[in-house]
Every structure is written in structure tokens, then in C-alpha cells.
Amino acid sequence: RRTMKLILSTVGLFLMTLISLNAQNLEFGIKSGVGGAQIHLTDLPDSEVNSYLISPILSYSINGTLNYRSKGLWGFSIDQGLIKKGWISNKDYHDENKIRLHYLQLPILSDLYLTDNLYFSIGPEINYLLTAKNKTNYGTEKINDLNRKFELSGVVSGAYKIFDILDIGVRYSHSLTQTSDKVFWGTDELNENPKELKDYNQYLQIFIKVKIKN
């Protein structure tokens, strides 16, 4: 409930800001990214380090973008679209698990322009889980019920304008809320005192942005 209230408050604030802006300062475009995603486990006991062999999975995204830049050094961006996250466990072993998570995402970023061509962005990323699947050597199963529907992440990125209609950049995201509940567990060296581990999505992508209206 707290996550939902934060999401609705953040979206509402930016929509109100957008309405008050001069439409001539808005840009529209399409952004596409590709890179790697994996899970970050915390509270992992030393005895369990080798039990979770986590490897990255191919991540990609496609977004429609809306950008505003003031006459000064700041602006903001809203990117709504789809993204694939996930990870691979026990890669190169017989019991490999390939987790694929598809989200509807909404990054809302504050932009800082160091020059006319170079800018950095930071802000929250709101995600809603559409599908979750686990692919093994025995087939594919849906695991939507094991993952949280809503996810709140933090995003940082840097980009460079190559041409008036084309930007290229890199973006990193790490979730602030857990990806799942009661999925990962660890024990001490005596295989006792089970403890739930916290898991967080993260990804790193290279992206390009094509402006379709300036």
C-alpha cells in the first residue's frame, strides 16, 4: 500500500507539472535499450555463496519518451514502455533456471545538462509485472504468483546527443523494493537457522533515443 501511494503521488505530481509547461519546450521520441539484467541477493550467508550461481540474462526495452528542457540546465523525462528483466541460476548445470520477467515500466527522471549535448538523469522507475516465467531443461512454467506485481527502482543514466534527432547513452537501475517474497533462503554452516534472503532486480543497458518531434 505504501508503494502504491508513492507511485500515485509521483505520477500525479509530474502530470500536474507537465500540464503547466509550455508545449513548445516538449520533445517526443522513441528509446530502445539492450544490456544485461540479474538479481541482487542480500543477507547471503558465507555458507550459501556457492549455492546461488547467479548469471546475467539479456535485457531489452522499448519506450516512448517525453522530454522537457528549460532554458537553463535542467529538465525532466518520462519514458513509458516495456522491459525484460530476470537472471539465470546454475548456468552450465543440468538444473539451470532462466527467469524472465516482463514489466510495464515508467521511469520519471530529472535531467541535468552539463553542455548542449551531454546530460545526466536520475529518478524513480515504476514497474508493473506483466509476465514471469522460469525456463528449465524440462520446460517453461509461469511464476507470476512468486513475484511482486509492483516494483519501485532507482535509475541513473548519462547520454550524449550525436545529432539533433539522435541520442546515445547508458542507464543503470536497481530496485528499491523486493522482487519476490519467500523465494530465496539461506542457512548457517550447520545448515540451521533458515533466513529469508532479500532479492532486488538490477540492469545495465546501452540505449539510443530517436526524436520524432522537436
N, C-alpha and C. Protein backbone atom coordinates (compact mmCIF):
# COMPACT_ATOMS: atom_id res chain seq x y z
N ARG A 1 0.82 -1.21 0.00
CA ARG A 1 0.00 0.00 0.00
C ARG A 1 0.85 1.26 0.00
N ARG A 2 1.95 1.24 0.76
CA ARG A 2 2.84 2.40 0.76
C ARG A 2 3.44 2.63 -0.62
N THR A 3 3.83 1.51 -1.28
CA THR A 3 4.40 1.63 -2.63
C THR A 3 3.39 2.22 -3.59
N MET A 4 2.13 1.77 -3.52
CA MET A 4 1.09 2.29 -4.40
C MET A 4 0.86 3.77 -4.17
N LYS A 5 0.82 4.21 -2.91
CA LYS A 5 0.61 5.62 -2.60
C LYS A 5 1.76 6.46 -3.15
N LEU A 6 3.00 5.95 -3.01
CA LEU A 6 4.16 6.67 -3.53
C LEU A 6 4.11 6.77 -5.05
N ILE A 7 3.72 5.67 -5.70
CA ILE A 7 3.62 5.66 -7.16
C ILE A 7 2.60 6.67 -7.64
N LEU A 8 1.40 6.64 -7.05
CA LEU A 8 0.33 7.54 -7.48
C LEU A 8 0.69 9.00 -7.20
N SER A 9 1.35 9.26 -6.07
CA SER A 9 1.75 10.63 -5.74
C SER A 9 2.79 11.15 -6.72
N THR A 10 3.76 10.29 -7.08
CA THR A 10 4.81 10.70 -8.01
C THR A 10 4.26 10.98 -9.39
N VAL A 11 3.42 10.07 -9.89
CA VAL A 11 2.82 10.27 -11.21
C VAL A 11 1.94 11.51 -11.23
N GLY A 12 1.15 11.70 -10.18
CA GLY A 12 0.28 12.88 -10.12
C GLY A 12 1.05 14.18 -10.12
N LEU A 13 2.16 14.21 -9.39
CA LEU A 13 2.99 15.41 -9.33
C LEU A 13 3.55 15.77 -10.69
N PHE A 14 4.05 14.79 -11.42
CA PHE A 14 4.64 15.06 -12.73
C PHE A 14 3.59 15.42 -13.76
N LEU A 15 2.41 14.83 -13.66
CA LEU A 15 1.34 15.20 -14.59
C LEU A 15 0.91 16.65 -14.38
N MET A 16 0.83 17.06 -13.13
CA MET A 16 0.47 18.45 -12.85
C MET A 16 1.55 19.40 -13.36
N THR A 17 2.81 19.00 -13.20
CA THR A 17 3.92 19.82 -13.71
C THR A 17 3.87 19.90 -15.23
N LEU A 18 3.57 18.77 -15.87
CA LEU A 18 3.52 18.72 -17.32
C LEU A 18 2.45 19.64 -17.88
N ILE A 19 1.29 19.66 -17.24
CA ILE A 19 0.18 20.50 -17.71
C ILE A 19 0.54 21.97 -17.69
N SER A 20 1.36 22.36 -16.71
CA SER A 20 1.71 23.77 -16.56
C SER A 20 2.85 24.22 -17.46
N LEU A 21 3.46 23.32 -18.20
CA LEU A 21 4.61 23.67 -19.03
C LEU A 21 4.19 24.14 -20.41
N ASN A 22 5.06 24.88 -21.03
CA ASN A 22 4.85 25.34 -22.41
C ASN A 22 5.11 24.17 -23.35
N ALA A 23 4.11 23.84 -24.17
CA ALA A 23 4.23 22.69 -25.08
C ALA A 23 5.37 22.85 -26.07
N GLN A 24 5.79 24.06 -26.35
CA GLN A 24 6.88 24.26 -27.31
C GLN A 24 8.21 23.76 -26.78
N ASN A 25 8.33 23.55 -25.48
CA ASN A 25 9.57 23.06 -24.90
C ASN A 25 9.58 21.55 -24.73
N LEU A 26 8.57 20.87 -25.27
CA LEU A 26 8.47 19.42 -25.16
C LEU A 26 9.03 18.72 -26.39
N GLU A 27 9.65 17.57 -26.17
CA GLU A 27 10.13 16.71 -27.24
C GLU A 27 9.56 15.31 -27.07
N PHE A 28 9.22 14.68 -28.19
CA PHE A 28 8.73 13.31 -28.17
C PHE A 28 9.71 12.43 -28.92
N GLY A 29 9.77 11.16 -28.54
CA GLY A 29 10.69 10.28 -29.23
C GLY A 29 10.47 8.82 -28.86
N ILE A 30 11.36 7.97 -29.36
CA ILE A 30 11.35 6.54 -29.08
C ILE A 30 12.74 6.16 -28.56
N LYS A 31 12.76 5.42 -27.47
CA LYS A 31 14.02 4.98 -26.86
C LYS A 31 14.04 3.46 -26.80
N SER A 32 15.18 2.87 -27.18
CA SER A 32 15.34 1.42 -27.13
C SER A 32 16.70 1.10 -26.51
N GLY A 33 16.70 0.11 -25.60
CA GLY A 33 17.93 -0.25 -24.91
C GLY A 33 18.18 -1.75 -24.91
N VAL A 34 19.44 -2.13 -24.74
CA VAL A 34 19.81 -3.54 -24.66
C VAL A 34 21.01 -3.66 -23.71
N GLY A 35 21.04 -4.74 -22.95
CA GLY A 35 22.13 -4.93 -22.00
C GLY A 35 21.95 -6.19 -21.19
N GLY A 36 22.33 -6.15 -19.92
CA GLY A 36 22.23 -7.31 -19.06
C GLY A 36 21.45 -7.01 -17.80
N ALA A 37 20.71 -8.01 -17.30
CA ALA A 37 19.96 -7.90 -16.06
C ALA A 37 20.24 -9.11 -15.19
N GLN A 38 20.17 -8.94 -13.87
CA GLN A 38 20.29 -10.06 -12.97
C GLN A 38 19.71 -9.67 -11.61
N ILE A 39 19.70 -10.62 -10.69
CA ILE A 39 19.15 -10.40 -9.36
C ILE A 39 20.29 -10.09 -8.39
N HIS A 40 20.03 -9.25 -7.41
CA HIS A 40 20.99 -8.94 -6.35
C HIS A 40 20.44 -9.49 -5.04
N LEU A 41 21.14 -10.45 -4.44
CA LEU A 41 20.72 -11.06 -3.18
C LEU A 41 21.48 -10.43 -2.03
N THR A 42 20.75 -10.06 -0.96
CA THR A 42 21.38 -9.52 0.24
C THR A 42 21.20 -10.50 1.39
N ASP A 43 21.95 -10.27 2.45
CA ASP A 43 21.91 -11.14 3.64
C ASP A 43 22.29 -12.57 3.31
N LEU A 44 23.15 -12.76 2.32
CA LEU A 44 23.54 -14.11 1.91
C LEU A 44 24.66 -14.63 2.81
N PRO A 45 24.42 -15.71 3.57
CA PRO A 45 25.48 -16.26 4.45
C PRO A 45 26.65 -16.78 3.64
N ASP A 46 27.84 -16.78 4.26
CA ASP A 46 29.04 -17.27 3.57
C ASP A 46 28.88 -18.72 3.14
N SER A 47 28.15 -19.51 3.91
CA SER A 47 27.98 -20.91 3.59
C SER A 47 27.10 -21.13 2.37
N GLU A 48 26.35 -20.09 1.93
CA GLU A 48 25.42 -20.23 0.82
C GLU A 48 25.89 -19.54 -0.46
N VAL A 49 27.10 -18.96 -0.42
CA VAL A 49 27.56 -18.18 -1.56
C VAL A 49 27.58 -19.02 -2.83
N ASN A 50 28.07 -20.25 -2.74
CA ASN A 50 28.18 -21.11 -3.92
C ASN A 50 26.87 -21.80 -4.29
N SER A 51 25.86 -21.66 -3.43
CA SER A 51 24.57 -22.30 -3.70
C SER A 51 23.74 -21.52 -4.71
N TYR A 52 24.04 -20.23 -4.84
CA TYR A 52 23.30 -19.38 -5.76
C TYR A 52 24.26 -18.86 -6.83
N LEU A 53 24.37 -19.61 -7.91
CA LEU A 53 25.25 -19.22 -9.00
C LEU A 53 24.42 -18.36 -9.97
N ILE A 54 24.44 -17.06 -9.74
CA ILE A 54 23.60 -16.12 -10.48
C ILE A 54 24.38 -15.55 -11.66
N SER A 55 23.78 -15.58 -12.84
CA SER A 55 24.39 -15.02 -14.06
C SER A 55 23.41 -14.05 -14.70
N PRO A 56 23.92 -13.08 -15.46
CA PRO A 56 23.04 -12.11 -16.12
C PRO A 56 22.23 -12.75 -17.25
N ILE A 57 21.12 -12.13 -17.57
CA ILE A 57 20.28 -12.51 -18.69
C ILE A 57 20.17 -11.30 -19.63
N LEU A 58 19.92 -11.55 -20.90
CA LEU A 58 19.77 -10.46 -21.85
C LEU A 58 18.56 -9.61 -21.48
N SER A 59 18.77 -8.31 -21.38
CA SER A 59 17.69 -7.37 -21.06
C SER A 59 17.50 -6.42 -22.23
N TYR A 60 16.25 -6.10 -22.53
CA TYR A 60 15.96 -5.12 -23.58
C TYR A 60 14.72 -4.33 -23.22
N SER A 61 14.58 -3.16 -23.80
CA SER A 61 13.43 -2.31 -23.51
C SER A 61 13.10 -1.47 -24.72
N ILE A 62 11.84 -1.05 -24.80
CA ILE A 62 11.39 -0.13 -25.83
C ILE A 62 10.42 0.84 -25.17
N ASN A 63 10.64 2.14 -25.35
CA ASN A 63 9.86 3.15 -24.64
C ASN A 63 9.49 4.30 -25.57
N GLY A 64 8.33 4.86 -25.33
CA GLY A 64 8.01 6.16 -25.87
C GLY A 64 8.47 7.20 -24.87
N THR A 65 9.06 8.29 -25.32
CA THR A 65 9.64 9.27 -24.41
C THR A 65 9.01 10.65 -24.58
N LEU A 66 8.93 11.34 -23.47
CA LEU A 66 8.51 12.74 -23.45
C LEU A 66 9.54 13.49 -22.64
N ASN A 67 10.14 14.52 -23.23
CA ASN A 67 11.21 15.26 -22.58
C ASN A 67 10.89 16.75 -22.55
N TYR A 68 11.24 17.35 -21.43
CA TYR A 68 11.12 18.81 -21.29
C TYR A 68 12.46 19.37 -20.85
N ARG A 69 12.88 20.45 -21.51
CA ARG A 69 14.10 21.13 -21.09
C ARG A 69 13.81 22.61 -20.91
N SER A 70 14.21 23.13 -19.76
CA SER A 70 14.04 24.55 -19.51
C SER A 70 15.09 25.35 -20.28
N LYS A 71 15.05 26.66 -20.15
CA LYS A 71 16.06 27.49 -20.79
C LYS A 71 17.40 27.41 -20.07
N GLY A 72 17.39 26.78 -18.89
CA GLY A 72 18.62 26.64 -18.12
C GLY A 72 19.25 25.27 -18.29
N LEU A 73 19.67 24.70 -17.17
CA LEU A 73 20.43 23.45 -17.20
C LEU A 73 19.62 22.22 -16.82
N TRP A 74 18.34 22.40 -16.52
CA TRP A 74 17.58 21.25 -16.04
C TRP A 74 16.40 20.94 -16.94
N GLY A 75 15.87 19.74 -16.75
CA GLY A 75 14.69 19.30 -17.47
C GLY A 75 14.20 18.01 -16.84
N PHE A 76 13.26 17.33 -17.45
CA PHE A 76 12.84 16.03 -16.98
C PHE A 76 12.36 15.18 -18.14
N SER A 77 12.34 13.87 -17.91
CA SER A 77 11.96 12.90 -18.93
C SER A 77 10.98 11.89 -18.34
N ILE A 78 10.00 11.51 -19.15
CA ILE A 78 9.07 10.44 -18.79
C ILE A 78 9.12 9.41 -19.90
N ASP A 79 9.51 8.17 -19.56
CA ASP A 79 9.67 7.10 -20.55
C ASP A 79 8.74 5.95 -20.20
N GLN A 80 7.68 5.78 -20.95
CA GLN A 80 6.77 4.67 -20.70
C GLN A 80 6.98 3.59 -21.75
N GLY A 81 7.07 2.33 -21.30
CA GLY A 81 7.28 1.25 -22.25
C GLY A 81 7.35 -0.10 -21.59
N LEU A 82 8.05 -1.02 -22.25
CA LEU A 82 8.18 -2.40 -21.79
C LEU A 82 9.66 -2.74 -21.58
N ILE A 83 9.93 -3.58 -20.60
CA ILE A 83 11.30 -4.00 -20.34
C ILE A 83 11.32 -5.46 -19.90
N LYS A 84 12.38 -6.15 -20.29
CA LYS A 84 12.61 -7.52 -19.84
C LYS A 84 13.73 -7.53 -18.82
N LYS A 85 13.45 -8.12 -17.66
CA LYS A 85 14.45 -8.31 -16.62
C LYS A 85 14.55 -9.80 -16.32
N GLY A 86 15.37 -10.15 -15.32
CA GLY A 86 15.49 -11.55 -14.94
C GLY A 86 16.91 -11.93 -14.59
N TRP A 87 17.17 -13.24 -14.57
CA TRP A 87 18.50 -13.75 -14.26
C TRP A 87 18.55 -15.24 -14.61
N ILE A 88 19.76 -15.80 -14.54
CA ILE A 88 19.97 -17.23 -14.75
C ILE A 88 20.66 -17.78 -13.50
N SER A 89 20.14 -18.87 -12.97
CA SER A 89 20.80 -19.54 -11.84
C SER A 89 21.31 -20.91 -12.28
N ASN A 90 22.45 -21.28 -11.70
CA ASN A 90 23.09 -22.57 -12.01
C ASN A 90 23.36 -22.72 -13.52
N LYS A 91 23.88 -21.67 -14.12
CA LYS A 91 24.20 -21.73 -15.55
C LYS A 91 25.26 -22.81 -15.79
N ASP A 92 25.11 -23.51 -16.92
CA ASP A 92 26.02 -24.59 -17.32
C ASP A 92 25.84 -25.84 -16.46
N TYR A 93 24.79 -25.88 -15.63
CA TYR A 93 24.47 -27.08 -14.87
C TYR A 93 23.17 -27.68 -15.39
N HIS A 94 22.91 -28.92 -15.03
CA HIS A 94 21.73 -29.62 -15.54
C HIS A 94 20.43 -28.99 -15.04
N ASP A 95 20.47 -28.39 -13.84
CA ASP A 95 19.25 -27.82 -13.27
C ASP A 95 19.20 -26.30 -13.45
N GLU A 96 19.65 -25.82 -14.61
CA GLU A 96 19.65 -24.38 -14.89
C GLU A 96 18.23 -23.81 -14.89
N ASN A 97 18.08 -22.62 -14.32
CA ASN A 97 16.82 -21.90 -14.32
C ASN A 97 17.03 -20.54 -14.98
N LYS A 98 16.23 -20.26 -15.99
CA LYS A 98 16.30 -18.97 -16.67
C LYS A 98 15.01 -18.21 -16.36
N ILE A 99 15.13 -17.20 -15.51
CA ILE A 99 13.98 -16.41 -15.06
C ILE A 99 13.81 -15.21 -15.99
N ARG A 100 12.62 -15.08 -16.56
CA ARG A 100 12.32 -13.97 -17.47
C ARG A 100 11.14 -13.20 -16.92
N LEU A 101 11.35 -11.93 -16.62
CA LEU A 101 10.33 -11.06 -16.05
C LEU A 101 10.07 -9.90 -17.01
N HIS A 102 8.83 -9.74 -17.44
CA HIS A 102 8.46 -8.65 -18.34
C HIS A 102 7.61 -7.64 -17.57
N TYR A 103 8.05 -6.39 -17.62
CA TYR A 103 7.38 -5.33 -16.87
C TYR A 103 6.89 -4.22 -17.81
N LEU A 104 5.80 -3.58 -17.40
CA LEU A 104 5.44 -2.27 -17.92
C LEU A 104 6.18 -1.27 -17.04
N GLN A 105 7.01 -0.43 -17.64
CA GLN A 105 7.85 0.45 -16.85
C GLN A 105 7.56 1.93 -17.12
N LEU A 106 7.82 2.75 -16.11
CA LEU A 106 7.61 4.19 -16.22
C LEU A 106 8.72 4.92 -15.46
N PRO A 107 9.90 5.13 -16.07
CA PRO A 107 10.92 5.96 -15.44
C PRO A 107 10.52 7.44 -15.51
N ILE A 108 10.67 8.13 -14.40
CA ILE A 108 10.40 9.57 -14.32
C ILE A 108 11.68 10.23 -13.83
N LEU A 109 12.40 10.89 -14.72
CA LEU A 109 13.78 11.29 -14.45
C LEU A 109 13.97 12.80 -14.49
N SER A 110 14.81 13.28 -13.62
CA SER A 110 15.26 14.67 -13.63
C SER A 110 16.56 14.74 -14.42
N ASP A 111 16.62 15.65 -15.39
CA ASP A 111 17.77 15.75 -16.29
C ASP A 111 18.62 16.98 -15.95
N LEU A 112 19.93 16.79 -15.94
CA LEU A 112 20.88 17.88 -15.73
C LEU A 112 21.79 17.98 -16.95
N TYR A 113 21.75 19.12 -17.64
CA TYR A 113 22.53 19.32 -18.86
C TYR A 113 23.85 20.01 -18.52
N LEU A 114 24.94 19.27 -18.70
CA LEU A 114 26.27 19.84 -18.48
C LEU A 114 26.69 20.69 -19.66
N THR A 115 26.31 20.25 -20.87
CA THR A 115 26.52 21.02 -22.09
C THR A 115 25.26 20.86 -22.94
N ASP A 116 25.25 21.46 -24.11
CA ASP A 116 24.10 21.30 -25.00
C ASP A 116 23.95 19.85 -25.46
N ASN A 117 25.04 19.09 -25.43
CA ASN A 117 25.00 17.72 -25.93
C ASN A 117 25.06 16.66 -24.84
N LEU A 118 25.61 16.98 -23.68
CA LEU A 118 25.83 15.98 -22.63
C LEU A 118 24.91 16.24 -21.44
N TYR A 119 24.19 15.18 -21.02
CA TYR A 119 23.30 15.34 -19.87
C TYR A 119 23.23 14.05 -19.06
N PHE A 120 22.91 14.21 -17.78
CA PHE A 120 22.75 13.10 -16.86
C PHE A 120 21.34 13.12 -16.29
N SER A 121 20.84 11.92 -15.92
CA SER A 121 19.48 11.79 -15.43
C SER A 121 19.45 10.91 -14.20
N ILE A 122 18.50 11.21 -13.30
CA ILE A 122 18.32 10.41 -12.09
C ILE A 122 16.85 10.50 -11.68
N GLY A 123 16.35 9.41 -11.11
CA GLY A 123 14.97 9.44 -10.66
C GLY A 123 14.42 8.05 -10.42
N PRO A 124 13.13 7.96 -10.10
CA PRO A 124 12.49 6.67 -9.84
C PRO A 124 12.03 5.99 -11.12
N GLU A 125 11.94 4.68 -11.05
CA GLU A 125 11.37 3.87 -12.12
C GLU A 125 10.26 3.01 -11.53
N ILE A 126 9.04 3.19 -12.03
CA ILE A 126 7.88 2.45 -11.54
C ILE A 126 7.61 1.29 -12.50
N ASN A 127 7.50 0.08 -11.96
CA ASN A 127 7.33 -1.11 -12.79
C ASN A 127 6.10 -1.91 -12.35
N TYR A 128 5.40 -2.46 -13.33
CA TYR A 128 4.27 -3.36 -13.07
C TYR A 128 4.51 -4.66 -13.81
N LEU A 129 4.51 -5.79 -13.09
CA LEU A 129 4.83 -7.09 -13.67
C LEU A 129 3.71 -7.58 -14.58
N LEU A 130 4.06 -7.91 -15.81
CA LEU A 130 3.10 -8.46 -16.77
C LEU A 130 3.16 -9.97 -16.81
N THR A 131 4.35 -10.52 -17.01
CA THR A 131 4.53 -11.98 -17.05
C THR A 131 5.84 -12.35 -16.36
N ALA A 132 5.84 -13.54 -15.76
CA ALA A 132 7.05 -14.09 -15.14
C ALA A 132 7.11 -15.56 -15.48
N LYS A 133 8.24 -16.00 -16.05
CA LYS A 133 8.38 -17.39 -16.46
C LYS A 133 9.75 -17.92 -16.05
N ASN A 134 9.77 -19.21 -15.75
CA ASN A 134 11.01 -19.91 -15.43
C ASN A 134 11.22 -21.00 -16.47
N LYS A 135 12.29 -20.87 -17.27
CA LYS A 135 12.60 -21.86 -18.29
C LYS A 135 13.69 -22.78 -17.78
N THR A 136 13.41 -24.09 -17.77
CA THR A 136 14.38 -25.10 -17.34
C THR A 136 14.60 -26.10 -18.45
N ASN A 137 15.41 -27.10 -18.17
CA ASN A 137 15.63 -28.15 -19.15
C ASN A 137 14.40 -29.03 -19.34
N TYR A 138 13.43 -28.87 -18.47
CA TYR A 138 12.23 -29.71 -18.53
C TYR A 138 11.02 -28.96 -19.09
N GLY A 139 11.18 -27.68 -19.41
CA GLY A 139 10.07 -26.90 -19.94
C GLY A 139 10.00 -25.52 -19.32
N THR A 140 8.89 -24.84 -19.55
CA THR A 140 8.69 -23.48 -19.06
C THR A 140 7.43 -23.43 -18.21
N GLU A 141 7.53 -22.76 -17.07
CA GLU A 141 6.38 -22.61 -16.19
C GLU A 141 6.19 -21.14 -15.81
N LYS A 142 4.92 -20.76 -15.61
CA LYS A 142 4.62 -19.40 -15.17
C LYS A 142 4.85 -19.30 -13.67
N ILE A 143 5.47 -18.18 -13.25
CA ILE A 143 5.77 -17.97 -11.83
C ILE A 143 5.30 -16.58 -11.39
N ASN A 144 4.22 -16.10 -11.98
CA ASN A 144 3.71 -14.78 -11.61
C ASN A 144 3.41 -14.68 -10.13
N ASP A 145 2.88 -15.77 -9.55
CA ASP A 145 2.46 -15.73 -8.15
C ASP A 145 3.63 -15.67 -7.18
N LEU A 146 4.85 -15.88 -7.65
CA LEU A 146 6.02 -15.82 -6.79
C LEU A 146 6.66 -14.43 -6.75
N ASN A 147 6.22 -13.54 -7.62
CA ASN A 147 6.84 -12.23 -7.74
C ASN A 147 5.83 -11.12 -7.43
N ARG A 148 6.35 -10.04 -6.88
CA ARG A 148 5.51 -8.89 -6.56
C ARG A 148 5.06 -8.18 -7.84
N LYS A 149 3.82 -7.71 -7.84
CA LYS A 149 3.28 -7.03 -9.02
C LYS A 149 3.94 -5.67 -9.24
N PHE A 150 4.10 -4.91 -8.18
CA PHE A 150 4.66 -3.56 -8.30
C PHE A 150 6.10 -3.53 -7.82
N GLU A 151 6.90 -2.75 -8.52
CA GLU A 151 8.31 -2.60 -8.17
C GLU A 151 8.70 -1.14 -8.32
N LEU A 152 9.43 -0.63 -7.35
CA LEU A 152 9.96 0.72 -7.40
C LEU A 152 11.48 0.65 -7.44
N SER A 153 12.08 1.29 -8.44
CA SER A 153 13.53 1.24 -8.62
C SER A 153 14.10 2.65 -8.68
N GLY A 154 15.42 2.73 -8.53
CA GLY A 154 16.15 3.97 -8.75
C GLY A 154 16.97 3.86 -10.03
N VAL A 155 17.03 4.94 -10.80
CA VAL A 155 17.70 4.94 -12.10
C VAL A 155 18.70 6.09 -12.18
N VAL A 156 19.87 5.81 -12.75
CA VAL A 156 20.84 6.85 -13.11
C VAL A 156 21.27 6.58 -14.55
N SER A 157 21.49 7.63 -15.30
CA SER A 157 21.91 7.46 -16.69
C SER A 157 22.69 8.68 -17.16
N GLY A 158 23.43 8.46 -18.22
CA GLY A 158 24.14 9.54 -18.91
C GLY A 158 23.96 9.37 -20.40
N ALA A 159 23.82 10.49 -21.11
CA ALA A 159 23.56 10.41 -22.55
C ALA A 159 24.26 11.55 -23.27
N TYR A 160 24.48 11.33 -24.56
CA TYR A 160 25.14 12.34 -25.40
C TYR A 160 24.35 12.49 -26.70
N LYS A 161 24.07 13.71 -27.07
CA LYS A 161 23.36 13.99 -28.31
C LYS A 161 24.35 13.99 -29.47
N ILE A 162 24.20 12.99 -30.35
CA ILE A 162 25.08 12.88 -31.52
C ILE A 162 24.60 13.78 -32.64
N PHE A 163 23.30 13.70 -32.91
CA PHE A 163 22.65 14.58 -33.88
C PHE A 163 21.43 15.19 -33.22
N ASP A 164 20.79 16.13 -33.88
CA ASP A 164 19.61 16.77 -33.31
C ASP A 164 18.50 15.77 -33.02
N ILE A 165 18.45 14.67 -33.78
CA ILE A 165 17.38 13.71 -33.60
C ILE A 165 17.85 12.41 -32.95
N LEU A 166 19.13 12.30 -32.57
CA LEU A 166 19.65 11.02 -32.07
C LEU A 166 20.54 11.22 -30.84
N ASP A 167 20.18 10.53 -29.75
CA ASP A 167 21.00 10.49 -28.53
C ASP A 167 21.41 9.05 -28.28
N ILE A 168 22.57 8.87 -27.66
CA ILE A 168 23.04 7.56 -27.23
C ILE A 168 23.48 7.66 -25.78
N GLY A 169 23.21 6.62 -24.97
CA GLY A 169 23.57 6.71 -23.57
C GLY A 169 23.62 5.36 -22.89
N VAL A 170 23.86 5.38 -21.58
CA VAL A 170 23.91 4.18 -20.77
C VAL A 170 23.07 4.42 -19.52
N ARG A 171 22.36 3.38 -19.07
CA ARG A 171 21.45 3.52 -17.94
C ARG A 171 21.61 2.33 -16.99
N TYR A 172 21.61 2.64 -15.68
CA TYR A 172 21.68 1.60 -14.64
C TYR A 172 20.48 1.74 -13.71
N SER A 173 19.88 0.62 -13.36
CA SER A 173 18.72 0.62 -12.46
C SER A 173 18.87 -0.46 -11.41
N HIS A 174 18.46 -0.13 -10.20
CA HIS A 174 18.46 -1.10 -9.09
C HIS A 174 17.15 -0.93 -8.33
N SER A 175 16.42 -2.02 -8.12
CA SER A 175 15.13 -1.92 -7.45
C SER A 175 15.30 -1.55 -5.98
N LEU A 176 14.35 -0.79 -5.47
CA LEU A 176 14.32 -0.39 -4.07
C LEU A 176 13.37 -1.26 -3.27
N THR A 177 12.50 -1.96 -3.95
CA THR A 177 11.59 -2.90 -3.31
C THR A 177 11.95 -4.32 -3.75
N GLN A 178 11.62 -5.29 -2.93
CA GLN A 178 11.96 -6.68 -3.25
C GLN A 178 11.21 -7.17 -4.47
N THR A 179 11.88 -8.04 -5.23
CA THR A 179 11.28 -8.62 -6.43
C THR A 179 10.26 -9.70 -6.08
N SER A 180 10.56 -10.50 -5.05
CA SER A 180 9.68 -11.61 -4.69
C SER A 180 9.58 -11.73 -3.18
N ASP A 181 8.76 -12.67 -2.74
CA ASP A 181 8.59 -12.96 -1.31
C ASP A 181 8.81 -14.45 -1.07
N LYS A 182 9.65 -14.74 -0.05
CA LYS A 182 9.85 -16.12 0.41
C LYS A 182 10.25 -17.08 -0.72
N VAL A 183 11.18 -16.62 -1.56
CA VAL A 183 11.69 -17.46 -2.65
C VAL A 183 13.12 -17.90 -2.36
N PHE A 184 13.95 -16.98 -1.86
CA PHE A 184 15.35 -17.29 -1.60
C PHE A 184 15.57 -17.44 -0.09
N TRP A 185 16.26 -18.52 0.28
CA TRP A 185 16.55 -18.78 1.69
C TRP A 185 18.01 -19.18 1.85
N GLY A 186 18.56 -18.89 3.02
CA GLY A 186 19.93 -19.28 3.34
C GLY A 186 20.00 -19.85 4.74
N THR A 187 21.04 -20.63 5.02
CA THR A 187 21.25 -21.22 6.34
C THR A 187 22.69 -21.00 6.77
N ASP A 188 22.97 -21.26 8.03
CA ASP A 188 24.34 -21.12 8.52
C ASP A 188 25.16 -22.36 8.14
N GLU A 189 26.40 -22.43 8.65
CA GLU A 189 27.31 -23.50 8.27
C GLU A 189 26.81 -24.88 8.72
N LEU A 190 25.95 -24.92 9.71
CA LEU A 190 25.39 -26.18 10.20
C LEU A 190 24.07 -26.51 9.53
N ASN A 191 23.76 -25.75 8.48
CA ASN A 191 22.51 -25.95 7.76
C ASN A 191 21.29 -25.74 8.68
N GLU A 192 21.44 -24.75 9.57
CA GLU A 192 20.38 -24.43 10.52
C GLU A 192 20.05 -22.93 10.42
N ASN A 193 19.06 -22.53 11.22
CA ASN A 193 18.63 -21.13 11.28
C ASN A 193 18.31 -20.56 9.89
N PRO A 194 17.32 -21.12 9.21
CA PRO A 194 16.96 -20.61 7.88
C PRO A 194 16.54 -19.15 7.94
N LYS A 195 16.96 -18.39 6.93
CA LYS A 195 16.68 -16.96 6.88
C LYS A 195 16.30 -16.57 5.47
N GLU A 196 15.21 -15.82 5.34
CA GLU A 196 14.78 -15.36 4.02
C GLU A 196 15.75 -14.31 3.50
N LEU A 197 16.18 -14.48 2.26
CA LEU A 197 17.08 -13.53 1.62
C LEU A 197 16.27 -12.51 0.83
N LYS A 198 16.78 -11.30 0.77
CA LYS A 198 16.11 -10.25 0.02
C LYS A 198 16.68 -10.21 -1.40
N ASP A 199 15.79 -10.10 -2.39
CA ASP A 199 16.22 -10.09 -3.79
C ASP A 199 15.75 -8.81 -4.47
N TYR A 200 16.64 -8.24 -5.30
CA TYR A 200 16.36 -6.98 -5.97
C TYR A 200 16.79 -7.07 -7.44
N ASN A 201 15.93 -6.63 -8.32
CA ASN A 201 16.28 -6.57 -9.74
C ASN A 201 17.30 -5.47 -9.99
N GLN A 202 18.18 -5.70 -10.95
CA GLN A 202 19.08 -4.66 -11.43
C GLN A 202 19.40 -4.91 -12.89
N TYR A 203 19.70 -3.83 -13.62
CA TYR A 203 20.08 -3.99 -15.02
C TYR A 203 20.96 -2.83 -15.45
N LEU A 204 21.74 -3.09 -16.49
CA LEU A 204 22.59 -2.08 -17.13
C LEU A 204 22.35 -2.17 -18.62
N GLN A 205 22.00 -1.04 -19.25
CA GLN A 205 21.68 -1.02 -20.67
C GLN A 205 22.37 0.12 -21.39
N ILE A 206 22.68 -0.13 -22.65
CA ILE A 206 23.03 0.94 -23.59
C ILE A 206 21.78 1.25 -24.40
N PHE A 207 21.46 2.53 -24.57
CA PHE A 207 20.23 2.88 -25.26
C PHE A 207 20.48 3.95 -26.33
N ILE A 208 19.56 3.98 -27.28
CA ILE A 208 19.52 5.06 -28.25
C ILE A 208 18.12 5.70 -28.20
N LYS A 209 18.07 7.00 -28.42
CA LYS A 209 16.80 7.72 -28.41
C LYS A 209 16.68 8.51 -29.71
N VAL A 210 15.58 8.26 -30.42
CA VAL A 210 15.31 8.96 -31.67
C VAL A 210 14.16 9.92 -31.44
N LYS A 211 14.36 11.19 -31.71
CA LYS A 211 13.33 12.19 -31.52
C LYS A 211 12.46 12.28 -32.77
N ILE A 212 11.16 12.20 -32.57
CA ILE A 212 10.24 12.24 -33.70
C ILE A 212 9.50 13.57 -33.77
N LYS A 213 9.64 14.40 -32.76
CA LYS A 213 9.05 15.73 -32.79
C LYS A 213 9.91 16.64 -31.94
N ASN A 214 10.25 17.80 -32.47
CA ASN A 214 11.14 18.71 -31.76
C ASN A 214 10.53 20.10 -31.74
